[in-house]
Amino acid sequence: MTGVVTDIGIELGKLFYWNRTAGSSYGRVLADRAKLRLLGSLLGAFFIGGVIGALGFNHIGFVTTVPLATLLLLLPGWQMPSPDNA
């Protein structure tokens, strides 16, 4: 997650950067807003998952981890359809 937070900081720096001169030999600094949304979503999902997992483990116990562990065990066997067969 540290890389995600670093990338969010870089994109926020680009977002708030003031391009002083339009005729400069350097290109304009522009933030990639789609990337910023994706990174924010990843960080938010990580945080929400951590909170839900902690609350579930605190109130229900170890059995809270079983559905996610089962999903992770089944994930390698799942194949996405190829674009050619879609």
N, C-alpha and C. Protein backbone atom coordinates (compact mmCIF):
# COMPACT_ATOMS: atom_id res chain seq x y z
N MET A 1 0.81 -1.19 0.00
CA MET A 1 0.00 0.00 0.00
C MET A 1 0.86 1.25 0.00
N THR A 2 2.12 1.13 0.40
CA THR A 2 2.96 2.33 0.42
C THR A 2 3.16 2.88 -0.99
N GLY A 3 3.27 2.00 -1.97
CA GLY A 3 3.41 2.45 -3.35
C GLY A 3 2.16 3.17 -3.85
N VAL A 4 1.00 2.68 -3.42
CA VAL A 4 -0.26 3.32 -3.81
C VAL A 4 -0.33 4.72 -3.21
N VAL A 5 0.03 4.84 -1.94
CA VAL A 5 0.00 6.15 -1.28
C VAL A 5 1.02 7.09 -1.93
N THR A 6 2.19 6.58 -2.29
CA THR A 6 3.18 7.39 -2.98
C THR A 6 2.65 7.87 -4.32
N ASP A 7 2.05 6.98 -5.09
CA ASP A 7 1.49 7.37 -6.39
C ASP A 7 0.36 8.38 -6.24
N ILE A 8 -0.46 8.24 -5.20
CA ILE A 8 -1.51 9.23 -4.94
C ILE A 8 -0.87 10.59 -4.68
N GLY A 9 0.18 10.62 -3.88
CA GLY A 9 0.88 11.87 -3.60
C GLY A 9 1.46 12.50 -4.85
N ILE A 10 2.03 11.70 -5.73
CA ILE A 10 2.58 12.21 -6.99
C ILE A 10 1.48 12.80 -7.85
N GLU A 11 0.38 12.07 -7.99
CA GLU A 11 -0.72 12.57 -8.82
C GLU A 11 -1.37 13.81 -8.22
N LEU A 12 -1.48 13.88 -6.89
CA LEU A 12 -2.02 15.08 -6.25
C LEU A 12 -1.08 16.26 -6.46
N GLY A 13 0.22 16.01 -6.40
CA GLY A 13 1.19 17.06 -6.69
C GLY A 13 1.03 17.59 -8.11
N LYS A 14 0.84 16.69 -9.06
CA LYS A 14 0.60 17.11 -10.45
C LYS A 14 -0.72 17.87 -10.58
N LEU A 15 -1.74 17.42 -9.84
CA LEU A 15 -3.06 18.04 -9.92
C LEU A 15 -3.02 19.49 -9.45
N PHE A 16 -2.29 19.75 -8.38
CA PHE A 16 -2.25 21.10 -7.80
C PHE A 16 -1.07 21.93 -8.29
N TYR A 17 -0.27 21.39 -9.20
CA TYR A 17 0.87 22.14 -9.73
C TYR A 17 0.37 23.28 -10.61
N TRP A 18 0.96 24.43 -10.44
CA TRP A 18 0.57 25.60 -11.22
C TRP A 18 1.53 25.74 -12.39
N ASN A 19 1.05 25.53 -13.61
CA ASN A 19 1.85 25.71 -14.82
C ASN A 19 1.93 27.20 -15.11
N ARG A 20 3.05 27.82 -14.75
CA ARG A 20 3.18 29.28 -14.84
C ARG A 20 3.20 29.80 -16.26
N THR A 21 4.01 29.19 -17.11
CA THR A 21 4.15 29.72 -18.46
C THR A 21 3.65 28.71 -19.47
N ALA A 22 2.78 29.17 -20.33
CA ALA A 22 2.23 28.28 -21.35
C ALA A 22 3.22 28.06 -22.48
N GLY A 23 4.11 29.03 -22.74
CA GLY A 23 5.05 28.94 -23.85
C GLY A 23 6.38 28.34 -23.47
N SER A 24 6.45 27.66 -22.36
CA SER A 24 7.70 27.08 -21.89
C SER A 24 8.12 25.91 -22.79
N SER A 25 9.43 25.63 -22.78
CA SER A 25 9.94 24.50 -23.57
C SER A 25 9.57 23.17 -22.90
N TYR A 26 9.19 23.22 -21.64
CA TYR A 26 8.76 22.02 -20.94
C TYR A 26 7.28 21.77 -21.22
N GLY A 27 6.88 20.54 -21.19
CA GLY A 27 5.47 20.21 -21.37
C GLY A 27 4.66 20.58 -20.13
N ARG A 28 3.38 20.74 -20.33
CA ARG A 28 2.50 21.05 -19.20
C ARG A 28 2.43 19.84 -18.27
N VAL A 29 2.35 20.11 -16.99
CA VAL A 29 2.21 19.05 -15.99
C VAL A 29 0.73 18.82 -15.77
N LEU A 30 0.27 17.62 -16.10
CA LEU A 30 -1.14 17.28 -15.95
C LEU A 30 -1.27 16.00 -15.14
N ALA A 31 -2.24 15.98 -14.27
CA ALA A 31 -2.50 14.79 -13.46
C ALA A 31 -3.35 13.81 -14.26
N ASP A 32 -3.12 12.54 -14.02
CA ASP A 32 -3.93 11.48 -14.61
C ASP A 32 -5.07 11.19 -13.65
N ARG A 33 -6.21 11.84 -13.89
CA ARG A 33 -7.33 11.75 -12.96
C ARG A 33 -7.91 10.33 -12.88
N ALA A 34 -7.88 9.59 -13.98
CA ALA A 34 -8.38 8.21 -13.95
C ALA A 34 -7.49 7.35 -13.04
N LYS A 35 -6.18 7.56 -13.14
CA LYS A 35 -5.26 6.82 -12.28
C LYS A 35 -5.47 7.21 -10.82
N LEU A 36 -5.71 8.49 -10.58
CA LEU A 36 -5.95 8.96 -9.22
C LEU A 36 -7.22 8.34 -8.64
N ARG A 37 -8.27 8.23 -9.45
CA ARG A 37 -9.50 7.58 -8.99
C ARG A 37 -9.26 6.10 -8.68
N LEU A 38 -8.52 5.42 -9.56
CA LEU A 38 -8.22 4.00 -9.34
C LEU A 38 -7.42 3.80 -8.06
N LEU A 39 -6.39 4.61 -7.87
CA LEU A 39 -5.56 4.47 -6.67
C LEU A 39 -6.36 4.80 -5.41
N GLY A 40 -7.21 5.81 -5.48
CA GLY A 40 -8.06 6.14 -4.34
C GLY A 40 -9.03 5.02 -4.02
N SER A 41 -9.56 4.39 -5.07
CA SER A 41 -10.47 3.25 -4.86
C SER A 41 -9.74 2.08 -4.22
N LEU A 42 -8.53 1.80 -4.67
CA LEU A 42 -7.74 0.71 -4.08
C LEU A 42 -7.45 0.98 -2.61
N LEU A 43 -7.04 2.20 -2.31
CA LEU A 43 -6.74 2.54 -0.92
C LEU A 43 -8.00 2.49 -0.06
N GLY A 44 -9.10 3.00 -0.59
CA GLY A 44 -10.36 2.96 0.15
C GLY A 44 -10.84 1.54 0.40
N ALA A 45 -10.74 0.67 -0.62
CA ALA A 45 -11.15 -0.72 -0.46
C ALA A 45 -10.27 -1.44 0.56
N PHE A 46 -8.98 -1.15 0.54
CA PHE A 46 -8.06 -1.74 1.52
C PHE A 46 -8.45 -1.32 2.94
N PHE A 47 -8.72 -0.03 3.12
CA PHE A 47 -9.09 0.49 4.43
C PHE A 47 -10.41 -0.10 4.91
N ILE A 48 -11.42 -0.08 4.05
CA ILE A 48 -12.74 -0.61 4.41
C ILE A 48 -12.67 -2.10 4.70
N GLY A 49 -11.92 -2.84 3.88
CA GLY A 49 -11.75 -4.27 4.13
C GLY A 49 -11.06 -4.55 5.46
N GLY A 50 -10.09 -3.72 5.80
CA GLY A 50 -9.41 -3.88 7.09
C GLY A 50 -10.34 -3.63 8.26
N VAL A 51 -11.15 -2.58 8.15
CA VAL A 51 -12.09 -2.26 9.23
C VAL A 51 -13.15 -3.35 9.36
N ILE A 52 -13.73 -3.77 8.24
CA ILE A 52 -14.75 -4.82 8.27
C ILE A 52 -14.16 -6.13 8.80
N GLY A 53 -12.96 -6.47 8.36
CA GLY A 53 -12.31 -7.68 8.84
C GLY A 53 -12.03 -7.64 10.34
N ALA A 54 -11.57 -6.50 10.82
CA ALA A 54 -11.29 -6.36 12.25
C ALA A 54 -12.57 -6.45 13.07
N LEU A 55 -13.61 -5.76 12.62
CA LEU A 55 -14.88 -5.82 13.35
C LEU A 55 -15.48 -7.22 13.31
N GLY A 56 -15.43 -7.85 12.14
CA GLY A 56 -15.96 -9.21 12.02
C GLY A 56 -15.21 -10.19 12.90
N PHE A 57 -13.89 -10.08 12.91
CA PHE A 57 -13.08 -10.98 13.73
C PHE A 57 -13.35 -10.73 15.21
N ASN A 58 -13.55 -9.47 15.57
CA ASN A 58 -13.81 -9.12 16.97
C ASN A 58 -15.17 -9.63 17.43
N HIS A 59 -16.19 -9.54 16.58
CA HIS A 59 -17.54 -9.90 16.99
C HIS A 59 -17.90 -11.36 16.71
N ILE A 60 -17.40 -11.90 15.60
CA ILE A 60 -17.78 -13.27 15.21
C ILE A 60 -16.65 -14.25 15.51
N GLY A 61 -15.42 -13.84 15.24
CA GLY A 61 -14.28 -14.70 15.50
C GLY A 61 -13.61 -15.16 14.21
N PHE A 62 -12.86 -16.24 14.35
CA PHE A 62 -12.05 -16.76 13.25
C PHE A 62 -12.87 -17.13 12.02
N VAL A 63 -14.11 -17.54 12.22
CA VAL A 63 -14.95 -17.99 11.10
C VAL A 63 -15.18 -16.85 10.08
N THR A 64 -14.94 -15.61 10.48
CA THR A 64 -15.06 -14.47 9.56
C THR A 64 -14.10 -14.61 8.39
N THR A 65 -12.95 -15.23 8.61
CA THR A 65 -11.94 -15.33 7.57
C THR A 65 -12.21 -16.46 6.57
N VAL A 66 -13.10 -17.37 6.90
CA VAL A 66 -13.33 -18.55 6.05
C VAL A 66 -13.86 -18.19 4.66
N PRO A 67 -14.87 -17.32 4.50
CA PRO A 67 -15.34 -17.02 3.14
C PRO A 67 -14.26 -16.42 2.24
N LEU A 68 -13.48 -15.50 2.78
CA LEU A 68 -12.42 -14.90 1.97
C LEU A 68 -11.33 -15.92 1.65
N ALA A 69 -10.97 -16.74 2.62
CA ALA A 69 -9.96 -17.78 2.37
C ALA A 69 -10.44 -18.75 1.30
N THR A 70 -11.71 -19.11 1.33
CA THR A 70 -12.28 -20.00 0.31
C THR A 70 -12.22 -19.35 -1.06
N LEU A 71 -12.58 -18.09 -1.13
CA LEU A 71 -12.51 -17.36 -2.40
C LEU A 71 -11.08 -17.33 -2.93
N LEU A 72 -10.12 -17.07 -2.07
CA LEU A 72 -8.73 -17.03 -2.50
C LEU A 72 -8.22 -18.40 -2.95
N LEU A 73 -8.72 -19.46 -2.34
CA LEU A 73 -8.33 -20.81 -2.76
C LEU A 73 -8.93 -21.17 -4.13
N LEU A 74 -10.13 -20.67 -4.42
CA LEU A 74 -10.79 -20.97 -5.69
C LEU A 74 -10.33 -20.08 -6.84
N LEU A 75 -9.78 -18.94 -6.52
CA LEU A 75 -9.41 -17.95 -7.54
C LEU A 75 -8.44 -18.46 -8.61
N PRO A 76 -7.40 -19.23 -8.28
CA PRO A 76 -6.50 -19.70 -9.33
C PRO A 76 -7.17 -20.60 -10.37
N GLY A 77 -8.23 -21.29 -10.02
CA GLY A 77 -8.92 -22.16 -10.96
C GLY A 77 -9.90 -21.44 -11.87
N TRP A 78 -10.20 -20.20 -11.55
CA TRP A 78 -11.17 -19.43 -12.34
C TRP A 78 -10.47 -18.81 -13.54
N GLN A 79 -11.06 -18.99 -14.72
CA GLN A 79 -10.47 -18.42 -15.93
C GLN A 79 -11.45 -17.43 -16.54
N MET A 80 -10.92 -16.27 -16.87
CA MET A 80 -11.73 -15.27 -17.54
C MET A 80 -11.86 -15.67 -19.01
N PRO A 81 -12.99 -15.38 -19.63
CA PRO A 81 -13.12 -15.68 -21.06
C PRO A 81 -12.17 -14.81 -21.87
N SER A 82 -11.56 -15.40 -22.87
CA SER A 82 -10.65 -14.62 -23.71
C SER A 82 -11.45 -13.70 -24.62
N PRO A 83 -10.87 -12.57 -25.04
CA PRO A 83 -11.59 -11.64 -25.90
C PRO A 83 -12.00 -12.25 -27.24
N ASP A 84 -11.28 -13.28 -27.69
CA ASP A 84 -11.61 -13.92 -28.96
C ASP A 84 -12.91 -14.70 -28.88
N ASN A 85 -13.21 -15.27 -27.71
CA ASN A 85 -14.40 -16.10 -27.55
C ASN A 85 -15.61 -15.33 -27.04
N ALA A 86 -15.44 -14.06 -26.77
CA ALA A 86 -16.52 -13.27 -26.18
C ALA A 86 -17.62 -12.97 -27.16
